[in-house]
């Protein structure tokens, strides 16, 4: 199990057909009523409409591959990411902090350079 939320568990799987690794979300509860199935399929339709994947214009969107119902559970086959959202966010925050520090350092250097030129009378 890769993760668990209020409605689903996420498993790391290897496809018997293509040998690729995927993440598969499975609903925790059985979807027994028609209403429950419709609500679950709404999530699937949203994922399918987003597309995802760097080759499809959304590098930060998990790619959707397909879904199926089995034993009253909904299964959603997705791209298996090599990192977690929190790890990716931490890298982004760290990168932005570094860029900000670099910008401040560059601005400070430009100010010092300007002051030296003024002092020299240039």
N, C-alpha and C. Protein backbone atom coordinates (compact mmCIF):
# COMPACT_ATOMS: atom_id res chain seq x y z
N UNK A 1 0.85 -1.18 0.00
CA UNK A 1 0.00 0.00 0.00
C UNK A 1 0.90 1.24 0.00
N UNK A 2 0.70 2.10 -1.01
CA UNK A 2 1.46 3.35 -1.10
C UNK A 2 0.86 4.44 -0.24
N UNK A 3 -0.45 4.44 -0.15
CA UNK A 3 -1.12 5.49 0.60
C UNK A 3 -2.57 5.14 0.87
N UNK A 4 -3.17 5.95 1.70
CA UNK A 4 -4.55 5.71 2.09
C UNK A 4 -5.19 7.05 2.37
N UNK A 5 -6.42 7.20 1.91
CA UNK A 5 -7.18 8.42 2.17
C UNK A 5 -8.53 8.05 2.74
N UNK A 6 -9.42 9.01 2.79
CA UNK A 6 -10.74 8.77 3.35
C UNK A 6 -11.59 7.84 2.51
N UNK A 7 -11.33 7.80 1.20
CA UNK A 7 -12.17 7.02 0.31
C UNK A 7 -11.44 5.89 -0.40
N UNK A 8 -10.11 5.98 -0.50
CA UNK A 8 -9.37 5.01 -1.30
C UNK A 8 -8.07 4.57 -0.64
N UNK A 9 -7.60 3.42 -1.09
CA UNK A 9 -6.24 2.95 -0.83
C UNK A 9 -5.53 3.00 -2.17
N UNK A 10 -4.22 3.26 -2.14
CA UNK A 10 -3.43 3.29 -3.37
C UNK A 10 -2.36 2.20 -3.29
N UNK A 11 -2.33 1.37 -4.31
CA UNK A 11 -1.39 0.26 -4.38
C UNK A 11 -0.40 0.47 -5.52
N UNK A 12 0.82 -0.02 -5.33
CA UNK A 12 1.81 -0.06 -6.40
C UNK A 12 1.67 -1.43 -7.06
N UNK A 13 1.45 -1.44 -8.38
CA UNK A 13 1.24 -2.70 -9.09
C UNK A 13 2.13 -2.77 -10.32
N UNK A 14 2.33 -4.00 -10.79
CA UNK A 14 3.04 -4.24 -12.05
C UNK A 14 2.05 -4.91 -12.98
N UNK A 15 1.88 -4.32 -14.14
CA UNK A 15 0.93 -4.85 -15.13
C UNK A 15 1.44 -6.17 -15.70
N UNK A 16 0.57 -7.15 -15.75
CA UNK A 16 0.93 -8.42 -16.39
C UNK A 16 1.00 -8.28 -17.90
N UNK A 17 0.32 -7.29 -18.43
CA UNK A 17 0.28 -7.10 -19.89
C UNK A 17 1.53 -6.42 -20.43
N UNK A 18 1.94 -5.31 -19.79
CA UNK A 18 3.08 -4.56 -20.34
C UNK A 18 4.30 -4.50 -19.42
N UNK A 19 4.19 -5.04 -18.21
CA UNK A 19 5.32 -5.06 -17.28
C UNK A 19 5.62 -3.72 -16.63
N UNK A 20 4.83 -2.70 -16.93
CA UNK A 20 5.05 -1.37 -16.35
C UNK A 20 4.46 -1.28 -14.94
N UNK A 21 5.01 -0.35 -14.17
CA UNK A 21 4.50 -0.11 -12.82
C UNK A 21 3.46 1.00 -12.86
N UNK A 22 2.40 0.82 -12.08
CA UNK A 22 1.32 1.80 -12.00
C UNK A 22 0.90 1.97 -10.55
N UNK A 23 0.19 3.05 -10.30
CA UNK A 23 -0.52 3.23 -9.02
C UNK A 23 -1.99 2.89 -9.32
N UNK A 24 -2.59 2.09 -8.47
CA UNK A 24 -4.00 1.76 -8.63
C UNK A 24 -4.73 2.16 -7.35
N UNK A 25 -5.72 3.05 -7.52
CA UNK A 25 -6.57 3.47 -6.40
C UNK A 25 -7.77 2.54 -6.34
N UNK A 26 -8.10 2.07 -5.14
CA UNK A 26 -9.28 1.23 -4.96
C UNK A 26 -10.14 1.83 -3.86
N UNK A 27 -11.43 1.97 -4.12
CA UNK A 27 -12.32 2.51 -3.10
C UNK A 27 -12.29 1.62 -1.87
N UNK A 28 -12.30 2.24 -0.71
CA UNK A 28 -12.29 1.49 0.56
C UNK A 28 -13.61 0.73 0.75
N UNK A 29 -14.70 1.46 0.53
CA UNK A 29 -16.02 0.84 0.71
C UNK A 29 -16.51 0.28 -0.61
N UNK A 30 -17.36 -0.70 -0.51
CA UNK A 30 -18.02 -1.19 -1.71
C UNK A 30 -19.03 -0.16 -2.18
N UNK A 31 -19.09 0.02 -3.48
CA UNK A 31 -20.02 0.98 -4.07
C UNK A 31 -21.26 0.19 -4.50
N UNK A 32 -22.22 0.12 -3.61
CA UNK A 32 -23.36 -0.76 -3.86
C UNK A 32 -24.54 -0.05 -4.50
N UNK A 33 -24.72 1.22 -4.22
CA UNK A 33 -25.86 1.93 -4.81
C UNK A 33 -25.45 2.60 -6.12
N UNK A 34 -26.42 2.85 -6.94
CA UNK A 34 -26.17 3.54 -8.22
C UNK A 34 -25.62 4.94 -7.97
N UNK A 35 -26.11 5.59 -6.93
CA UNK A 35 -25.65 6.94 -6.59
C UNK A 35 -24.16 6.93 -6.22
N UNK A 36 -23.72 5.96 -5.43
CA UNK A 36 -22.31 5.86 -5.05
C UNK A 36 -21.43 5.63 -6.29
N UNK A 37 -21.89 4.79 -7.18
CA UNK A 37 -21.13 4.52 -8.41
C UNK A 37 -21.00 5.79 -9.27
N UNK A 38 -22.11 6.53 -9.40
CA UNK A 38 -22.08 7.77 -10.19
C UNK A 38 -21.10 8.77 -9.61
N UNK A 39 -21.10 8.93 -8.27
CA UNK A 39 -20.17 9.87 -7.62
C UNK A 39 -18.73 9.46 -7.84
N UNK A 40 -18.44 8.17 -7.73
CA UNK A 40 -17.08 7.68 -7.95
C UNK A 40 -16.66 7.88 -9.40
N UNK A 41 -17.57 7.65 -10.32
CA UNK A 41 -17.24 7.81 -11.74
C UNK A 41 -17.02 9.28 -12.11
N UNK A 42 -17.60 10.18 -11.34
CA UNK A 42 -17.36 11.61 -11.57
C UNK A 42 -15.87 11.93 -11.38
N UNK A 43 -15.24 11.34 -10.38
CA UNK A 43 -13.80 11.54 -10.17
C UNK A 43 -13.02 11.02 -11.37
N UNK A 44 -13.41 9.85 -11.85
CA UNK A 44 -12.74 9.25 -13.00
C UNK A 44 -12.87 10.16 -14.22
N UNK A 45 -14.04 10.68 -14.46
CA UNK A 45 -14.24 11.55 -15.62
C UNK A 45 -13.41 12.82 -15.50
N UNK A 46 -13.28 13.34 -14.29
CA UNK A 46 -12.45 14.54 -14.08
C UNK A 46 -10.99 14.22 -14.39
N UNK A 47 -10.50 13.09 -13.92
CA UNK A 47 -9.10 12.70 -14.19
C UNK A 47 -8.87 12.49 -15.68
N UNK A 48 -9.80 11.82 -16.33
CA UNK A 48 -9.66 11.55 -17.76
C UNK A 48 -9.65 12.86 -18.56
N UNK A 49 -10.43 13.83 -18.15
CA UNK A 49 -10.49 15.09 -18.89
C UNK A 49 -9.24 15.93 -18.70
N UNK A 50 -8.54 15.75 -17.57
CA UNK A 50 -7.31 16.52 -17.33
C UNK A 50 -6.16 16.06 -18.21
N UNK A 51 -6.19 14.81 -18.61
CA UNK A 51 -5.10 14.29 -19.44
C UNK A 51 -3.93 13.92 -18.58
N UNK A 52 -2.99 14.83 -18.43
CA UNK A 52 -1.82 14.59 -17.59
C UNK A 52 -0.65 14.05 -18.37
N UNK A 53 0.48 14.05 -17.73
CA UNK A 53 1.71 13.58 -18.35
C UNK A 53 2.40 14.71 -19.10
N UNK A 54 3.71 14.72 -19.06
CA UNK A 54 4.49 15.79 -19.70
C UNK A 54 4.24 15.84 -21.20
N UNK A 55 4.00 14.67 -21.80
CA UNK A 55 3.77 14.64 -23.24
C UNK A 55 2.38 15.10 -23.62
N UNK A 56 1.52 15.35 -22.63
CA UNK A 56 0.15 15.76 -22.92
C UNK A 56 -0.15 17.14 -22.37
N UNK A 57 0.89 17.89 -22.02
CA UNK A 57 0.69 19.29 -21.64
C UNK A 57 0.47 19.54 -20.16
N UNK A 58 0.56 18.54 -19.31
CA UNK A 58 0.35 18.76 -17.89
C UNK A 58 1.35 18.00 -17.05
N UNK A 59 2.58 18.49 -16.98
CA UNK A 59 3.63 17.74 -16.30
C UNK A 59 3.37 17.55 -14.81
N UNK A 60 2.49 18.35 -14.22
CA UNK A 60 2.20 18.22 -12.79
C UNK A 60 0.86 17.55 -12.54
N UNK A 61 0.33 16.88 -13.56
CA UNK A 61 -0.93 16.16 -13.43
C UNK A 61 -0.64 14.68 -13.59
N UNK A 62 -1.10 13.88 -12.64
CA UNK A 62 -0.89 12.43 -12.71
C UNK A 62 -1.69 11.89 -13.89
N UNK A 63 -1.06 11.08 -14.71
CA UNK A 63 -1.70 10.56 -15.91
C UNK A 63 -2.68 9.43 -15.56
N UNK A 64 -3.84 9.51 -16.16
CA UNK A 64 -4.90 8.53 -15.98
C UNK A 64 -4.82 7.51 -17.11
N UNK A 65 -4.89 6.20 -16.77
CA UNK A 65 -4.81 5.15 -17.79
C UNK A 65 -6.14 4.41 -17.98
N UNK A 66 -6.93 4.26 -16.93
CA UNK A 66 -8.20 3.55 -17.09
C UNK A 66 -8.81 3.23 -15.74
N UNK A 67 -10.00 2.64 -15.80
CA UNK A 67 -10.67 2.24 -14.57
C UNK A 67 -11.56 1.03 -14.83
N UNK A 68 -11.97 0.39 -13.77
CA UNK A 68 -12.89 -0.74 -13.87
C UNK A 68 -13.56 -0.96 -12.52
N UNK A 69 -14.68 -1.66 -12.57
CA UNK A 69 -15.40 -2.07 -11.36
C UNK A 69 -15.16 -3.56 -11.16
N UNK A 70 -14.90 -3.93 -9.92
CA UNK A 70 -14.69 -5.34 -9.60
C UNK A 70 -15.13 -5.57 -8.16
N UNK A 71 -16.01 -6.54 -7.96
CA UNK A 71 -16.54 -6.85 -6.62
C UNK A 71 -17.05 -5.60 -5.90
N UNK A 72 -17.75 -4.75 -6.63
CA UNK A 72 -18.35 -3.51 -6.11
C UNK A 72 -17.34 -2.47 -5.65
N UNK A 73 -16.09 -2.60 -6.05
CA UNK A 73 -15.06 -1.58 -5.79
C UNK A 73 -14.67 -0.95 -7.11
N UNK A 74 -14.37 0.34 -7.07
CA UNK A 74 -13.87 1.04 -8.25
C UNK A 74 -12.34 1.03 -8.18
N UNK A 75 -11.71 0.66 -9.27
CA UNK A 75 -10.26 0.67 -9.40
C UNK A 75 -9.89 1.71 -10.46
N UNK A 76 -8.91 2.57 -10.14
CA UNK A 76 -8.46 3.60 -11.08
C UNK A 76 -6.95 3.42 -11.28
N UNK A 77 -6.56 3.17 -12.52
CA UNK A 77 -5.16 2.96 -12.86
C UNK A 77 -4.53 4.28 -13.26
N UNK A 78 -3.45 4.65 -12.54
CA UNK A 78 -2.79 5.95 -12.71
C UNK A 78 -1.29 5.79 -12.88
N UNK A 79 -0.68 6.85 -13.34
CA UNK A 79 0.78 6.92 -13.42
C UNK A 79 1.36 6.75 -12.02
N UNK A 80 2.43 5.97 -11.92
CA UNK A 80 3.14 5.83 -10.65
C UNK A 80 4.21 6.91 -10.59
N UNK A 81 4.11 7.81 -9.63
CA UNK A 81 5.06 8.91 -9.49
C UNK A 81 6.29 8.44 -8.73
N UNK A 82 7.43 9.03 -9.04
CA UNK A 82 8.67 8.65 -8.38
C UNK A 82 8.93 9.45 -7.11
N UNK A 83 8.00 10.32 -6.75
CA UNK A 83 8.13 11.11 -5.53
C UNK A 83 6.74 11.38 -4.96
N UNK A 84 6.71 11.87 -3.74
CA UNK A 84 5.43 12.22 -3.13
C UNK A 84 5.16 13.70 -3.36
N UNK A 85 3.93 14.10 -3.18
CA UNK A 85 3.56 15.50 -3.34
C UNK A 85 4.30 16.37 -2.32
N UNK A 86 4.41 15.90 -1.09
CA UNK A 86 5.09 16.70 -0.06
C UNK A 86 6.58 16.85 -0.38
N UNK A 87 7.21 15.82 -0.93
CA UNK A 87 8.63 15.91 -1.30
C UNK A 87 8.81 16.88 -2.47
N UNK A 88 7.93 16.80 -3.46
CA UNK A 88 8.01 17.71 -4.60
C UNK A 88 7.78 19.15 -4.15
N UNK A 89 6.86 19.36 -3.23
CA UNK A 89 6.59 20.69 -2.70
C UNK A 89 7.81 21.23 -1.96
N UNK A 90 8.46 20.37 -1.15
CA UNK A 90 9.65 20.80 -0.41
C UNK A 90 10.77 21.22 -1.36
N UNK A 91 10.96 20.49 -2.45
CA UNK A 91 11.98 20.84 -3.44
C UNK A 91 11.65 22.19 -4.07
N UNK A 92 10.37 22.41 -4.37
CA UNK A 92 9.94 23.67 -4.98
C UNK A 92 10.18 24.84 -4.03
N UNK A 93 9.83 24.67 -2.77
CA UNK A 93 10.03 25.73 -1.77
C UNK A 93 11.52 26.03 -1.61
N UNK A 94 12.33 24.99 -1.56
CA UNK A 94 13.78 25.16 -1.41
C UNK A 94 14.36 25.90 -2.62
N UNK A 95 13.90 25.53 -3.81
CA UNK A 95 14.37 26.17 -5.03
C UNK A 95 13.99 27.65 -5.06
N UNK A 96 12.76 27.95 -4.67
CA UNK A 96 12.32 29.36 -4.65
C UNK A 96 13.10 30.16 -3.62
N UNK A 97 13.40 29.55 -2.47
CA UNK A 97 14.17 30.24 -1.44
C UNK A 97 15.57 30.55 -1.96
N UNK A 98 16.18 29.58 -2.67
CA UNK A 98 17.51 29.79 -3.24
C UNK A 98 17.48 30.90 -4.28
N UNK A 99 16.47 30.91 -5.13
CA UNK A 99 16.34 31.96 -6.15
C UNK A 99 16.20 33.33 -5.50
N UNK A 100 15.43 33.39 -4.43
CA UNK A 100 15.23 34.65 -3.73
C UNK A 100 16.54 35.14 -3.11
N UNK A 101 17.30 34.22 -2.51
CA UNK A 101 18.58 34.59 -1.91
C UNK A 101 19.56 35.04 -3.00
N UNK A 102 19.55 34.33 -4.14
CA UNK A 102 20.43 34.72 -5.25
C UNK A 102 20.09 36.11 -5.77
N UNK A 103 18.79 36.40 -5.87
CA UNK A 103 18.35 37.71 -6.35
C UNK A 103 18.78 38.81 -5.38
N UNK A 104 18.66 38.55 -4.07
CA UNK A 104 19.08 39.53 -3.07
C UNK A 104 20.58 39.75 -3.13
N UNK A 105 21.35 38.66 -3.29
CA UNK A 105 22.80 38.77 -3.37
C UNK A 105 23.21 39.56 -4.62
N UNK A 106 22.55 39.27 -5.74
CA UNK A 106 22.86 39.99 -6.98
C UNK A 106 22.52 41.47 -6.85
N UNK A 107 21.39 41.77 -6.24
CA UNK A 107 20.99 43.17 -6.06
C UNK A 107 21.97 43.88 -5.15
N UNK A 108 22.41 43.20 -4.09
CA UNK A 108 23.38 43.79 -3.16
C UNK A 108 24.70 44.05 -3.85
N UNK A 109 25.14 43.13 -4.71
CA UNK A 109 26.38 43.29 -5.46
C UNK A 109 26.29 44.46 -6.42
N UNK A 110 25.16 44.61 -7.06
CA UNK A 110 24.96 45.72 -8.00
C UNK A 110 25.00 47.05 -7.25
N UNK A 111 24.41 47.08 -6.06
CA UNK A 111 24.43 48.32 -5.27
C UNK A 111 25.86 48.67 -4.87
N UNK A 112 26.63 47.65 -4.41
CA UNK A 112 28.01 47.90 -4.01
C UNK A 112 28.84 48.36 -5.21
N UNK A 113 28.63 47.74 -6.37
CA UNK A 113 29.35 48.12 -7.57
C UNK A 113 29.04 49.57 -7.92
N UNK A 114 27.80 49.95 -7.83
CA UNK A 114 27.39 51.33 -8.12
C UNK A 114 28.00 52.31 -7.16
N UNK A 115 28.10 51.95 -5.88
CA UNK A 115 28.68 52.84 -4.88
C UNK A 115 30.16 53.04 -5.14
N UNK A 116 30.86 51.97 -5.51
CA UNK A 116 32.29 52.08 -5.79
C UNK A 116 32.53 53.00 -6.98
N UNK A 117 31.72 52.87 -8.01
CA UNK A 117 31.86 53.70 -9.21
C UNK A 117 31.63 55.17 -8.87
N UNK A 118 30.66 55.42 -7.98
CA UNK A 118 30.37 56.80 -7.56
C UNK A 118 31.55 57.36 -6.80
N UNK A 119 32.11 56.54 -5.86
CA UNK A 119 33.24 56.99 -5.05
C UNK A 119 34.46 57.29 -5.92
N UNK A 120 34.65 56.53 -7.01
CA UNK A 120 35.77 56.76 -7.89
C UNK A 120 35.54 57.94 -8.81
N UNK A 121 34.32 58.42 -8.83
CA UNK A 121 34.00 59.56 -9.68
C UNK A 121 33.74 59.18 -11.13
N UNK A 122 33.39 57.94 -11.35
CA UNK A 122 33.11 57.50 -12.73
C UNK A 122 31.71 57.75 -13.12
